[in-house]
């Protein structure tokens, strides 16, 4: 009797096995650090998301702290209102779902400026 194997799950298992075989792969301490600190995750993931250098600032630090509180259930509603080019879209639409995943208890509503910003953030979310 054949067991159904999802090709996507097989690919994920293959990639994980390759990462574990790499030098430094399976670094549990680093993974735990990035899971516990959302701002550390943003900084570590930034080179994979945006070609520009990550520039830490109060806006990203505050946004990361508030999103962490939303994920922990400490904040029920959060309105993010920053000036343009403060990384709010990449942090909220790419990094946050990458860490906390689709959480049914946290509905997300976005109001993008344009269709191009929706497409620009959808591509990194799929990677």
PDB file of N, CA and C in Angstrom:
ATOM      1  N   UNK A   1       0.843  -1.174   0.000  1.00  0.00           N
ATOM      2  CA  UNK A   1       0.000   0.000   0.000  1.00  0.00           C
ATOM      3  C   UNK A   1       0.887   1.236   0.000  1.00  0.00           C
ATOM      4  N   UNK A   2       0.682   2.137  -0.967  1.00  0.00           N
ATOM      5  CA  UNK A   2       1.484   3.353  -1.087  1.00  0.00           C
ATOM      6  C   UNK A   2       1.007   4.404  -0.099  1.00  0.00           C
ATOM      7  N   UNK A   3       1.967   5.058   0.502  1.00  0.00           N
ATOM      8  CA  UNK A   3       1.655   6.143   1.426  1.00  0.00           C
ATOM      9  C   UNK A   3       1.805   7.450   0.656  1.00  0.00           C
ATOM     10  N   UNK A   4       0.811   8.297   0.734  1.00  0.00           N
ATOM     11  CA  UNK A   4       0.858   9.578   0.033  1.00  0.00           C
ATOM     12  C   UNK A   4       1.897  10.481   0.675  1.00  0.00           C
ATOM     13  N   UNK A   5       2.811  11.006  -0.131  1.00  0.00           N
ATOM     14  CA  UNK A   5       3.827  11.918   0.349  1.00  0.00           C
ATOM     15  C   UNK A   5       3.650  13.250  -0.358  1.00  0.00           C
ATOM     16  N   UNK A   6       3.483  14.285   0.412  1.00  0.00           N
ATOM     17  CA  UNK A   6       3.342  15.621  -0.129  1.00  0.00           C
ATOM     18  C   UNK A   6       4.695  16.071  -0.678  1.00  0.00           C
ATOM     19  N   UNK A   7       4.782  16.463  -1.963  1.00  0.00           N
ATOM     20  CA  UNK A   7       6.068  16.870  -2.526  1.00  0.00           C
ATOM     21  C   UNK A   7       6.662  18.089  -1.830  1.00  0.00           C
ATOM     22  N   UNK A   8       5.815  18.994  -1.353  1.00  0.00           N
ATOM     23  CA  UNK A   8       6.318  20.172  -0.651  1.00  0.00           C
ATOM     24  C   UNK A   8       6.976  19.768   0.671  1.00  0.00           C
ATOM     25  N   UNK A   9       6.335  18.864   1.412  1.00  0.00           N
ATOM     26  CA  UNK A   9       6.926  18.398   2.658  1.00  0.00           C
ATOM     27  C   UNK A   9       8.232  17.644   2.406  1.00  0.00           C
ATOM     28  N   UNK A  10       8.279  16.891   1.328  1.00  0.00           N
ATOM     29  CA  UNK A  10       9.513  16.177   0.985  1.00  0.00           C
ATOM     30  C   UNK A  10      10.634  17.172   0.684  1.00  0.00           C
ATOM     31  N   UNK A  11      10.315  18.267  -0.029  1.00  0.00           N
ATOM     32  CA  UNK A  11      11.309  19.281  -0.347  1.00  0.00           C
ATOM     33  C   UNK A  11      11.785  19.987   0.928  1.00  0.00           C
ATOM     34  N   UNK A  12      10.867  20.279   1.829  1.00  0.00           N
ATOM     35  CA  UNK A  12      11.234  20.915   3.093  1.00  0.00           C
ATOM     36  C   UNK A  12      12.168  20.006   3.887  1.00  0.00           C
ATOM     37  N   UNK A  13      11.841  18.713   3.947  1.00  0.00           N
ATOM     38  CA  UNK A  13      12.706  17.764   4.647  1.00  0.00           C
ATOM     39  C   UNK A  13      14.090  17.715   4.014  1.00  0.00           C
ATOM     40  N   UNK A  14      14.139  17.778   2.685  1.00  0.00           N
ATOM     41  CA  UNK A  14      15.423  17.748   1.976  1.00  0.00           C
ATOM     42  C   UNK A  14      16.261  18.988   2.304  1.00  0.00           C
ATOM     43  N   UNK A  15      15.629  20.155   2.293  1.00  0.00           N
ATOM     44  CA  UNK A  15      16.341  21.396   2.601  1.00  0.00           C
ATOM     45  C   UNK A  15      16.826  21.393   4.041  1.00  0.00           C
ATOM     46  N   UNK A  16      15.983  20.945   4.966  1.00  0.00           N
ATOM     47  CA  UNK A  16      16.391  20.879   6.370  1.00  0.00           C
ATOM     48  C   UNK A  16      17.563  19.922   6.569  1.00  0.00           C
ATOM     49  N   UNK A  17      17.536  18.804   5.875  1.00  0.00           N
ATOM     50  CA  UNK A  17      18.645  17.852   5.985  1.00  0.00           C
ATOM     51  C   UNK A  17      19.935  18.468   5.454  1.00  0.00           C
ATOM     52  N   UNK A  18      19.837  19.228   4.347  1.00  0.00           N
ATOM     53  CA  UNK A  18      21.028  19.891   3.804  1.00  0.00           C
ATOM     54  C   UNK A  18      21.561  20.939   4.774  1.00  0.00           C
ATOM     55  N   UNK A  19      20.673  21.704   5.405  1.00  0.00           N
ATOM     56  CA  UNK A  19      21.107  22.728   6.365  1.00  0.00           C
ATOM     57  C   UNK A  19      21.764  22.101   7.587  1.00  0.00           C
ATOM     58  N   UNK A  20      21.222  20.993   8.051  1.00  0.00           N
ATOM     59  CA  UNK A  20      21.798  20.334   9.219  1.00  0.00           C
ATOM     60  C   UNK A  20      23.188  19.780   8.904  1.00  0.00           C
ATOM     61  N   UNK A  21      23.408  19.392   7.642  1.00  0.00           N
ATOM     62  CA  UNK A  21      24.699  18.834   7.241  1.00  0.00           C
ATOM     63  C   UNK A  21      25.759  19.917   7.045  1.00  0.00           C
ATOM     64  N   UNK A  22      25.334  21.170   6.883  1.00  0.00           N
ATOM     65  CA  UNK A  22      26.274  22.272   6.673  1.00  0.00           C
ATOM     66  C   UNK A  22      27.022  22.578   7.971  1.00  0.00           C
ATOM     67  N   UNK A  23      28.264  23.100   7.841  1.00  0.00           N
ATOM     68  CA  UNK A  23      28.970  23.516   9.053  1.00  0.00           C
ATOM     69  C   UNK A  23      28.168  24.596   9.777  1.00  0.00           C
ATOM     70  N   UNK A  24      27.958  24.404  11.054  1.00  0.00           N
ATOM     71  CA  UNK A  24      27.167  25.366  11.826  1.00  0.00           C
ATOM     72  C   UNK A  24      25.678  25.136  11.696  1.00  0.00           C
ATOM     73  N   UNK A  25      25.273  24.159  10.867  1.00  0.00           N
ATOM     74  CA  UNK A  25      23.855  23.865  10.713  1.00  0.00           C
ATOM     75  C   UNK A  25      23.291  23.299  12.001  1.00  0.00           C
ATOM     76  N   UNK A  26      22.035  23.543  12.224  1.00  0.00           N
ATOM     77  CA  UNK A  26      21.411  23.027  13.433  1.00  0.00           C
ATOM     78  C   UNK A  26      21.857  23.742  14.690  1.00  0.00           C
ATOM     79  N   UNK A  27      22.253  25.000  14.558  1.00  0.00           N
ATOM     80  CA  UNK A  27      22.690  25.777  15.711  1.00  0.00           C
ATOM     81  C   UNK A  27      21.464  26.126  16.553  1.00  0.00           C
ATOM     82  N   UNK A  28      21.184  25.305  17.527  1.00  0.00           N
ATOM     83  CA  UNK A  28      19.977  25.467  18.335  1.00  0.00           C
ATOM     84  C   UNK A  28      20.000  26.754  19.162  1.00  0.00           C
ATOM     85  N   UNK A  29      21.182  27.140  19.656  1.00  0.00           N
ATOM     86  CA  UNK A  29      21.264  28.355  20.463  1.00  0.00           C
ATOM     87  C   UNK A  29      20.897  29.578  19.635  1.00  0.00           C
ATOM     88  N   UNK A  30      21.399  29.634  18.416  1.00  0.00           N
ATOM     89  CA  UNK A  30      21.095  30.761  17.530  1.00  0.00           C
ATOM     90  C   UNK A  30      19.607  30.774  17.175  1.00  0.00           C
ATOM     91  N   UNK A  31      19.051  29.605  16.877  1.00  0.00           N
ATOM     92  CA  UNK A  31      17.629  29.514  16.549  1.00  0.00           C
ATOM     93  C   UNK A  31      16.766  29.975  17.718  1.00  0.00           C
ATOM     94  N   UNK A  32      17.114  29.562  18.935  1.00  0.00           N
ATOM     95  CA  UNK A  32      16.355  29.988  20.114  1.00  0.00           C
ATOM     96  C   UNK A  32      16.447  31.495  20.326  1.00  0.00           C
ATOM     97  N   UNK A  33      17.638  32.044  20.115  1.00  0.00           N
ATOM     98  CA  UNK A  33      17.818  33.490  20.279  1.00  0.00           C
ATOM     99  C   UNK A  33      16.932  34.256  19.293  1.00  0.00           C
ATOM    100  N   UNK A  34      16.887  33.778  18.049  1.00  0.00           N
ATOM    101  CA  UNK A  34      16.085  34.459  17.034  1.00  0.00           C
ATOM    102  C   UNK A  34      14.588  34.262  17.265  1.00  0.00           C
ATOM    103  N   UNK A  35      14.205  33.143  17.854  1.00  0.00           N
ATOM    104  CA  UNK A  35      12.795  32.922  18.171  1.00  0.00           C
ATOM    105  C   UNK A  35      12.342  33.784  19.344  1.00  0.00           C
ATOM    106  N   UNK A  36      13.232  34.060  20.270  1.00  0.00           N
ATOM    107  CA  UNK A  36      12.869  34.831  21.462  1.00  0.00           C
ATOM    108  C   UNK A  36      12.877  36.334  21.221  1.00  0.00           C
ATOM    109  N   UNK A  37      13.676  36.799  20.278  1.00  0.00           N
ATOM    110  CA  UNK A  37      13.780  38.237  20.028  1.00  0.00           C
ATOM    111  C   UNK A  37      13.423  38.540  18.579  1.00  0.00           C
ATOM    112  N   UNK A  38      12.267  39.147  18.389  1.00  0.00           N
ATOM    113  CA  UNK A  38      11.805  39.457  17.035  1.00  0.00           C
ATOM    114  C   UNK A  38      12.738  40.449  16.347  1.00  0.00           C
ATOM    115  N   UNK A  39      13.280  41.421  17.070  1.00  0.00           N
ATOM    116  CA  UNK A  39      14.180  42.395  16.452  1.00  0.00           C
ATOM    117  C   UNK A  39      15.468  41.706  15.998  1.00  0.00           C
ATOM    118  N   UNK A  40      15.964  40.726  16.761  1.00  0.00           N
ATOM    119  CA  UNK A  40      17.140  39.967  16.331  1.00  0.00           C
ATOM    120  C   UNK A  40      16.836  39.172  15.068  1.00  0.00           C
ATOM    121  N   UNK A  41      15.618  38.622  14.993  1.00  0.00           N
ATOM    122  CA  UNK A  41      15.221  37.897  13.787  1.00  0.00           C
ATOM    123  C   UNK A  41      15.200  38.831  12.584  1.00  0.00           C
ATOM    124  N   UNK A  42      14.634  40.027  12.759  1.00  0.00           N
ATOM    125  CA  UNK A  42      14.568  40.981  11.653  1.00  0.00           C
ATOM    126  C   UNK A  42      15.968  41.299  11.145  1.00  0.00           C
ATOM    127  N   UNK A  43      16.871  41.571  12.070  1.00  0.00           N
ATOM    128  CA  UNK A  43      18.236  41.920  11.690  1.00  0.00           C
ATOM    129  C   UNK A  43      18.935  40.752  10.981  1.00  0.00           C
ATOM    130  N   UNK A  44      18.715  39.535  11.459  1.00  0.00           N
ATOM    131  CA  UNK A  44      19.343  38.367  10.840  1.00  0.00           C
ATOM    132  C   UNK A  44      18.741  38.047   9.473  1.00  0.00           C
ATOM    133  N   UNK A  45      17.442  38.276   9.319  1.00  0.00           N
ATOM    134  CA  UNK A  45      16.767  37.949   8.066  1.00  0.00           C
ATOM    135  C   UNK A  45      16.888  39.045   7.019  1.00  0.00           C
ATOM    136  N   UNK A  46      17.250  40.241   7.427  1.00  0.00           N
ATOM    137  CA  UNK A  46      17.240  41.392   6.518  1.00  0.00           C
ATOM    138  C   UNK A  46      18.007  41.162   5.211  1.00  0.00           C
ATOM    139  N   UNK A  47      19.218  40.598   5.229  1.00  0.00           N
ATOM    140  CA  UNK A  47      19.935  40.404   3.960  1.00  0.00           C
ATOM    141  C   UNK A  47      19.190  39.512   2.964  1.00  0.00           C
ATOM    142  N   UNK A  48      18.321  38.636   3.452  1.00  0.00           N
ATOM    143  CA  UNK A  48      17.538  37.778   2.561  1.00  0.00           C
ATOM    144  C   UNK A  48      16.306  38.488   2.014  1.00  0.00           C
ATOM    145  N   UNK A  49      15.928  39.595   2.634  1.00  0.00           N
ATOM    146  CA  UNK A  49      14.696  40.291   2.263  1.00  0.00           C
ATOM    147  C   UNK A  49      14.959  41.513   1.411  1.00  0.00           C
ATOM    148  N   UNK A  50      15.961  42.291   1.796  1.00  0.00           N
ATOM    149  CA  UNK A  50      16.219  43.576   1.158  1.00  0.00           C
ATOM    150  C   UNK A  50      17.720  43.713   0.894  1.00  0.00           C
ATOM    151  N   UNK A  51      18.098  44.158  -0.316  1.00  0.00           N
ATOM    152  CA  UNK A  51      19.525  44.276  -0.615  1.00  0.00           C
ATOM    153  C   UNK A  51      20.228  45.399   0.149  1.00  0.00           C
ATOM    154  N   UNK A  52      19.477  46.353   0.659  1.00  0.00           N
ATOM    155  CA  UNK A  52      20.094  47.435   1.415  1.00  0.00           C
ATOM    156  C   UNK A  52      20.514  46.937   2.799  1.00  0.00           C
ATOM    157  N   UNK A  53      21.481  47.630   3.376  1.00  0.00           N
ATOM    158  CA  UNK A  53      21.966  47.255   4.707  1.00  0.00           C
ATOM    159  C   UNK A  53      20.905  47.570   5.758  1.00  0.00           C
ATOM    160  N   UNK A  54      20.755  46.661   6.729  1.00  0.00           N
ATOM    161  CA  UNK A  54      19.805  46.902   7.813  1.00  0.00           C
ATOM    162  C   UNK A  54      20.324  48.049   8.682  1.00  0.00           C
ATOM    163  N   UNK A  55      19.455  49.021   8.918  1.00  0.00           N
ATOM    164  CA  UNK A  55      19.810  50.165   9.752  1.00  0.00           C
ATOM    165  C   UNK A  55      18.848  50.208  10.937  1.00  0.00           C
ATOM    166  N   UNK A  56      19.303  49.733  12.083  1.00  0.00           N
ATOM    167  CA  UNK A  56      18.417  49.734  13.248  1.00  0.00           C
ATOM    168  C   UNK A  56      18.033  51.157  13.640  1.00  0.00           C
ATOM    169  N   UNK A  57      16.791  51.315  14.055  1.00  0.00           N
ATOM    170  CA  UNK A  57      16.319  52.624  14.512  1.00  0.00           C
ATOM    171  C   UNK A  57      15.161  52.428  15.483  1.00  0.00           C
ATOM    172  N   UNK A  58      14.761  53.509  16.110  1.00  0.00           N
ATOM    173  CA  UNK A  58      13.715  53.442  17.123  1.00  0.00           C
ATOM    174  C   UNK A  58      12.399  52.944  16.544  1.00  0.00           C
ATOM    175  N   UNK A  59      12.117  53.271  15.281  1.00  0.00           N
ATOM    176  CA  UNK A  59      10.842  52.889  14.680  1.00  0.00           C
ATOM    177  C   UNK A  59      10.746  51.369  14.529  1.00  0.00           C
ATOM    178  N   UNK A  60      11.787  50.754  13.999  1.00  0.00           N
ATOM    179  CA  UNK A  60      11.772  49.302  13.815  1.00  0.00           C
ATOM    180  C   UNK A  60      11.802  48.597  15.173  1.00  0.00           C
ATOM    181  N   UNK A  61      12.590  49.109  16.106  1.00  0.00           N
ATOM    182  CA  UNK A  61      12.630  48.519  17.453  1.00  0.00           C
ATOM    183  C   UNK A  61      11.245  48.557  18.116  1.00  0.00           C
ATOM    184  N   UNK A  62      10.603  49.708  18.044  1.00  0.00           N
ATOM    185  CA  UNK A  62       9.274  49.846  18.649  1.00  0.00           C
ATOM    186  C   UNK A  62       8.238  48.980  17.961  1.00  0.00           C
ATOM    187  N   UNK A  63       8.295  48.921  16.628  1.00  0.00           N
ATOM    188  CA  UNK A  63       7.351  48.095  15.883  1.00  0.00           C
ATOM    189  C   UNK A  63       7.540  46.621  16.225  1.00  0.00           C
ATOM    190  N   UNK A  64       8.794  46.181  16.296  1.00  0.00           N
ATOM    191  CA  UNK A  64       9.072  44.782  16.652  1.00  0.00           C
ATOM    192  C   UNK A  64       8.549  44.459  18.049  1.00  0.00           C
ATOM    193  N   UNK A  65       8.765  45.370  18.975  1.00  0.00           N
ATOM    194  CA  UNK A  65       8.292  45.155  20.340  1.00  0.00           C
ATOM    195  C   UNK A  65       6.765  45.065  20.397  1.00  0.00           C
ATOM    196  N   UNK A  66       6.093  45.942  19.669  1.00  0.00           N
ATOM    197  CA  UNK A  66       4.627  45.929  19.677  1.00  0.00           C
ATOM    198  C   UNK A  66       4.070  44.692  18.966  1.00  0.00           C
ATOM    199  N   UNK A  67       4.692  44.270  17.858  1.00  0.00           N
ATOM    200  CA  UNK A  67       4.228  43.066  17.169  1.00  0.00           C
ATOM    201  C   UNK A  67       4.442  41.819  18.021  1.00  0.00           C
ATOM    202  N   UNK A  68       5.528  41.805  18.768  1.00  0.00           N
ATOM    203  CA  UNK A  68       5.769  40.696  19.700  1.00  0.00           C
ATOM    204  C   UNK A  68       4.653  40.661  20.755  1.00  0.00           C
ATOM    205  N   UNK A  69       4.247  41.839  21.234  1.00  0.00           N
ATOM    206  CA  UNK A  69       3.161  41.910  22.222  1.00  0.00           C
ATOM    207  C   UNK A  69       1.838  41.459  21.615  1.00  0.00           C
ATOM    208  N   UNK A  70       1.596  41.761  20.337  1.00  0.00           N
ATOM    209  CA  UNK A  70       0.385  41.283  19.664  1.00  0.00           C
ATOM    210  C   UNK A  70       0.401  39.754  19.607  1.00  0.00           C
ATOM    211  N   UNK A  71       1.545  39.195  19.219  1.00  0.00           N
ATOM    212  CA  UNK A  71       1.655  37.731  19.129  1.00  0.00           C
ATOM    213  C   UNK A  71       1.476  37.067  20.484  1.00  0.00           C
ATOM    214  N   UNK A  72       1.907  37.738  21.547  1.00  0.00           N
ATOM    215  CA  UNK A  72       1.779  37.193  22.904  1.00  0.00           C
ATOM    216  C   UNK A  72       0.397  37.429  23.501  1.00  0.00           C
ATOM    217  N   UNK A  73      -0.467  38.167  22.790  1.00  0.00           N
ATOM    218  CA  UNK A  73      -1.812  38.439  23.275  1.00  0.00           C
ATOM    219  C   UNK A  73      -1.901  39.609  24.241  1.00  0.00           C
ATOM    220  N   UNK A  74      -0.817  40.367  24.410  1.00  0.00           N
ATOM    221  CA  UNK A  74      -0.825  41.506  25.317  1.00  0.00           C
ATOM    222  C   UNK A  74      -1.477  42.736  24.688  1.00  0.00           C
ATOM    223  N   UNK A  75      -1.450  42.818  23.364  1.00  0.00           N
ATOM    224  CA  UNK A  75      -2.088  43.910  22.638  1.00  0.00           C
ATOM    225  C   UNK A  75      -3.129  43.289  21.715  1.00  0.00           C
ATOM    226  N   UNK A  76      -4.351  43.793  21.777  1.00  0.00           N
ATOM    227  CA  UNK A  76      -5.434  43.245  20.962  1.00  0.00           C
ATOM    228  C   UNK A  76      -5.567  43.964  19.622  1.00  0.00           C
ATOM    229  N   UNK A  77      -5.307  45.256  19.596  1.00  0.00           N
ATOM    230  CA  UNK A  77      -5.418  46.041  18.359  1.00  0.00           C
ATOM    231  C   UNK A  77      -4.177  46.915  18.227  1.00  0.00           C
ATOM    232  N   UNK A  78      -3.623  46.947  17.023  1.00  0.00           N
ATOM    233  CA  UNK A  78      -2.423  47.740  16.790  1.00  0.00           C
ATOM    234  C   UNK A  78      -2.569  48.473  15.472  1.00  0.00           C
ATOM    235  N   UNK A  79      -2.432  49.772  15.507  1.00  0.00           N
ATOM    236  CA  UNK A  79      -2.437  50.600  14.311  1.00  0.00           C
ATOM    237  C   UNK A  79      -1.018  51.103  14.107  1.00  0.00           C
ATOM    238  N   UNK A  80      -0.442  50.813  12.943  1.00  0.00           N
ATOM    239  CA  UNK A  80       0.929  51.222  12.636  1.00  0.00           C
ATOM    240  C   UNK A  80       0.846  52.402  11.684  1.00  0.00           C
ATOM    241  N   UNK A  81       1.376  53.526  12.127  1.00  0.00           N
ATOM    242  CA  UNK A  81       1.305  54.752  11.334  1.00  0.00           C
ATOM    243  C   UNK A  81       2.670  55.425  11.374  1.00  0.00           C
ATOM    244  N   UNK A  82       3.534  55.067  10.430  1.00  0.00           N
ATOM    245  CA  UNK A  82       4.886  55.619  10.336  1.00  0.00           C
ATOM    246  C   UNK A  82       5.018  56.412   9.048  1.00  0.00           C
ATOM    247  N   UNK A  83       6.018  57.265   8.976  1.00  0.00           N
ATOM    248  CA  UNK A  83       6.311  57.920   7.697  1.00  0.00           C
ATOM    249  C   UNK A  83       6.788  56.878   6.675  1.00  0.00           C
ATOM    250  N   UNK A  84       6.741  57.234   5.397  1.00  0.00           N
ATOM    251  CA  UNK A  84       7.231  56.309   4.366  1.00  0.00           C
ATOM    252  C   UNK A  84       8.705  55.961   4.573  1.00  0.00           C
ATOM    253  N   UNK A  85       9.065  54.775   4.104  1.00  0.00           N
ATOM    254  CA  UNK A  85      10.445  54.283   4.090  1.00  0.00           C
ATOM    255  C   UNK A  85      10.996  53.985   5.487  1.00  0.00           C
ATOM    256  N   UNK A  86      10.133  53.603   6.410  1.00  0.00           N
ATOM    257  CA  UNK A  86      10.583  53.224   7.761  1.00  0.00           C
ATOM    258  C   UNK A  86      10.566  51.717   7.951  1.00  0.00           C
ATOM    259  N   UNK A  87      10.412  50.959   6.881  1.00  0.00           N
ATOM    260  CA  UNK A  87      10.440  49.488   6.893  1.00  0.00           C
ATOM    261  C   UNK A  87       9.210  48.846   7.503  1.00  0.00           C
ATOM    262  N   UNK A  88       8.139  49.590   7.663  1.00  0.00           N
ATOM    263  CA  UNK A  88       6.954  49.007   8.299  1.00  0.00           C
ATOM    264  C   UNK A  88       6.346  47.881   7.466  1.00  0.00           C
ATOM    265  N   UNK A  89       6.373  47.996   6.144  1.00  0.00           N
ATOM    266  CA  UNK A  89       5.786  46.956   5.303  1.00  0.00           C
ATOM    267  C   UNK A  89       6.597  45.672   5.372  1.00  0.00           C
ATOM    268  N   UNK A  90       7.913  45.781   5.270  1.00  0.00           N
ATOM    269  CA  UNK A  90       8.741  44.571   5.326  1.00  0.00           C
ATOM    270  C   UNK A  90       8.664  43.902   6.700  1.00  0.00           C
ATOM    271  N   UNK A  91       8.616  44.690   7.741  1.00  0.00           N
ATOM    272  CA  UNK A  91       8.560  44.110   9.089  1.00  0.00           C
ATOM    273  C   UNK A  91       7.197  43.457   9.332  1.00  0.00           C
ATOM    274  N   UNK A  92       6.107  44.155   8.992  1.00  0.00           N
ATOM    275  CA  UNK A  92       4.774  43.632   9.307  1.00  0.00           C
ATOM    276  C   UNK A  92       4.269  42.596   8.313  1.00  0.00           C
ATOM    277  N   UNK A  93       4.652  42.707   7.040  1.00  0.00           N
ATOM    278  CA  UNK A  93       4.090  41.822   6.021  1.00  0.00           C
ATOM    279  C   UNK A  93       5.012  40.696   5.599  1.00  0.00           C
ATOM    280  N   UNK A  94       6.300  40.795   5.917  1.00  0.00           N
ATOM    281  CA  UNK A  94       7.238  39.744   5.525  1.00  0.00           C
ATOM    282  C   UNK A  94       7.823  39.062   6.762  1.00  0.00           C
ATOM    283  N   UNK A  95       8.440  39.831   7.647  1.00  0.00           N
ATOM    284  CA  UNK A  95       9.119  39.235   8.811  1.00  0.00           C
ATOM    285  C   UNK A  95       8.145  38.655   9.827  1.00  0.00           C
ATOM    286  N   UNK A  96       7.131  39.421  10.187  1.00  0.00           N
ATOM    287  CA  UNK A  96       6.223  38.972  11.245  1.00  0.00           C
ATOM    288  C   UNK A  96       5.518  37.663  10.892  1.00  0.00           C
ATOM    289  N   UNK A  97       4.920  37.544   9.678  1.00  0.00           N
ATOM    290  CA  UNK A  97       4.301  36.253   9.346  1.00  0.00           C
ATOM    291  C   UNK A  97       5.315  35.111   9.259  1.00  0.00           C
ATOM    292  N   UNK A  98       6.562  35.429   8.935  1.00  0.00           N
ATOM    293  CA  UNK A  98       7.590  34.387   8.860  1.00  0.00           C
ATOM    294  C   UNK A  98       7.870  33.784  10.231  1.00  0.00           C
ATOM    295  N   UNK A  99       7.812  34.591  11.256  1.00  0.00           N
ATOM    296  CA  UNK A  99       8.106  34.119  12.607  1.00  0.00           C
ATOM    297  C   UNK A  99       6.861  33.522  13.263  1.00  0.00           C
ATOM    298  N   UNK A 100       5.772  34.249  13.205  1.00  0.00           N
ATOM    299  CA  UNK A 100       4.593  33.845  13.957  1.00  0.00           C
ATOM    300  C   UNK A 100       3.587  33.064  13.140  1.00  0.00           C
ATOM    301  N   UNK A 101       3.774  33.011  11.837  1.00  0.00           N
ATOM    302  CA  UNK A 101       2.928  32.210  10.965  1.00  0.00           C
ATOM    303  C   UNK A 101       1.494  32.693  10.941  1.00  0.00           C
ATOM    304  N   UNK A 102       0.689  32.032  10.139  1.00  0.00           N
ATOM    305  CA  UNK A 102      -0.723  32.410  10.097  1.00  0.00           C
ATOM    306  C   UNK A 102      -1.398  31.990  11.402  1.00  0.00           C
ATOM    307  N   UNK A 103      -1.728  32.956  12.211  1.00  0.00           N
ATOM    308  CA  UNK A 103      -2.339  32.695  13.512  1.00  0.00           C
ATOM    309  C   UNK A 103      -3.804  33.113  13.436  1.00  0.00           C
ATOM    310  N   UNK A 104      -4.686  32.149  13.525  1.00  0.00           N
ATOM    311  CA  UNK A 104      -6.115  32.434  13.372  1.00  0.00           C
ATOM    312  C   UNK A 104      -6.641  33.371  14.456  1.00  0.00           C
ATOM    313  N   UNK A 105      -5.966  33.431  15.593  1.00  0.00           N
ATOM    314  CA  UNK A 105      -6.452  34.283  16.676  1.00  0.00           C
ATOM    315  C   UNK A 105      -6.034  35.739  16.487  1.00  0.00           C
ATOM    316  N   UNK A 106      -5.187  36.003  15.498  1.00  0.00           N
ATOM    317  CA  UNK A 106      -4.729  37.370  15.251  1.00  0.00           C
ATOM    318  C   UNK A 106      -5.100  37.764  13.825  1.00  0.00           C
ATOM    319  N   UNK A 107      -6.312  38.283  13.610  1.00  0.00           N
ATOM    320  CA  UNK A 107      -6.676  38.717  12.265  1.00  0.00           C
ATOM    321  C   UNK A 107      -5.882  39.969  11.879  1.00  0.00           C
ATOM    322  N   UNK A 108      -5.445  40.025  10.628  1.00  0.00           N
ATOM    323  CA  UNK A 108      -4.640  41.138  10.154  1.00  0.00           C
ATOM    324  C   UNK A 108      -5.390  41.843   9.038  1.00  0.00           C
ATOM    325  N   UNK A 109      -5.488  43.144   9.143  1.00  0.00           N
ATOM    326  CA  UNK A 109      -6.092  43.963   8.108  1.00  0.00           C
ATOM    327  C   UNK A 109      -5.062  44.980   7.647  1.00  0.00           C
ATOM    328  N   UNK A 110      -4.843  45.055   6.338  1.00  0.00           N
ATOM    329  CA  UNK A 110      -3.853  45.986   5.791  1.00  0.00           C
ATOM    330  C   UNK A 110      -4.523  46.900   4.792  1.00  0.00           C
ATOM    331  N   UNK A 111      -4.001  48.094   4.689  1.00  0.00           N
ATOM    332  CA  UNK A 111      -4.478  49.055   3.701  1.00  0.00           C
ATOM    333  C   UNK A 111      -3.270  49.608   2.944  1.00  0.00           C
ATOM    334  N   UNK A 112      -2.808  48.884   1.913  1.00  0.00           N
ATOM    335  CA  UNK A 112      -1.625  49.340   1.184  1.00  0.00           C
ATOM    336  C   UNK A 112      -1.919  50.573   0.352  1.00  0.00           C
ATOM    337  N   UNK A 113      -0.849  51.324   0.091  1.00  0.00           N
ATOM    338  CA  UNK A 113      -0.982  52.539  -0.722  1.00  0.00           C
ATOM    339  C   UNK A 113      -1.323  52.221  -2.163  1.00  0.00           C
ATOM    340  N   UNK A 114      -0.742  51.143  -2.684  1.00  0.00           N
ATOM    341  CA  UNK A 114      -0.937  50.846  -4.098  1.00  0.00           C
ATOM    342  C   UNK A 114      -0.838  49.346  -4.340  1.00  0.00           C
ATOM    343  N   UNK A 115      -1.261  48.944  -5.531  1.00  0.00           N
ATOM    344  CA  UNK A 115      -1.178  47.547  -5.918  1.00  0.00           C
ATOM    345  C   UNK A 115       0.273  47.099  -6.019  1.00  0.00           C
ATOM    346  N   UNK A 116       1.165  47.983  -6.424  1.00  0.00           N
ATOM    347  CA  UNK A 116       2.571  47.601  -6.559  1.00  0.00           C
ATOM    348  C   UNK A 116       3.184  47.240  -5.209  1.00  0.00           C
ATOM    349  N   UNK A 117       2.757  47.895  -4.125  1.00  0.00           N
ATOM    350  CA  UNK A 117       3.297  47.538  -2.807  1.00  0.00           C
ATOM    351  C   UNK A 117       2.795  46.170  -2.366  1.00  0.00           C
ATOM    352  N   UNK A 118       1.598  45.789  -2.775  1.00  0.00           N
ATOM    353  CA  UNK A 118       1.058  44.462  -2.459  1.00  0.00           C
ATOM    354  C   UNK A 118       1.889  43.394  -3.161  1.00  0.00           C
ATOM    355  N   UNK A 119       2.180  43.601  -4.437  1.00  0.00           N
ATOM    356  CA  UNK A 119       2.964  42.639  -5.211  1.00  0.00           C
ATOM    357  C   UNK A 119       4.382  42.580  -4.685  1.00  0.00           C
ATOM    358  N   UNK A 120       4.965  43.737  -4.336  1.00  0.00           N
ATOM    359  CA  UNK A 120       6.346  43.780  -3.854  1.00  0.00           C
ATOM    360  C   UNK A 120       6.522  43.022  -2.544  1.00  0.00           C
ATOM    361  N   UNK A 121       5.503  43.009  -1.687  1.00  0.00           N
ATOM    362  CA  UNK A 121       5.641  42.284  -0.417  1.00  0.00           C
ATOM    363  C   UNK A 121       5.179  40.832  -0.545  1.00  0.00           C
ATOM    364  N   UNK A 122       4.360  40.517  -1.542  1.00  0.00           N
ATOM    365  CA  UNK A 122       3.894  39.149  -1.705  1.00  0.00           C
ATOM    366  C   UNK A 122       5.029  38.231  -2.131  1.00  0.00           C
ATOM    367  N   UNK A 123       5.942  38.723  -2.920  1.00  0.00           N
ATOM    368  CA  UNK A 123       7.030  37.879  -3.422  1.00  0.00           C
ATOM    369  C   UNK A 123       7.939  37.408  -2.301  1.00  0.00           C
ATOM    370  N   UNK A 124       8.459  38.292  -1.417  1.00  0.00           N
ATOM    371  CA  UNK A 124       9.298  37.780  -0.317  1.00  0.00           C
ATOM    372  C   UNK A 124       8.539  36.881   0.659  1.00  0.00           C
ATOM    373  N   UNK A 125       7.240  37.069   0.796  1.00  0.00           N
ATOM    374  CA  UNK A 125       6.458  36.244   1.716  1.00  0.00           C
ATOM    375  C   UNK A 125       6.397  34.804   1.256  1.00  0.00           C
ATOM    376  N   UNK A 126       6.504  34.570  -0.041  1.00  0.00           N
ATOM    377  CA  UNK A 126       6.400  33.222  -0.575  1.00  0.00           C
ATOM    378  C   UNK A 126       7.708  32.461  -0.484  1.00  0.00           C
ATOM    379  N   UNK A 127       8.809  33.168  -0.238  1.00  0.00           N
ATOM    380  CA  UNK A 127      10.124  32.507  -0.225  1.00  0.00           C
ATOM    381  C   UNK A 127      10.356  31.770   1.058  1.00  0.00           C
TER     382      UNK A 127
END
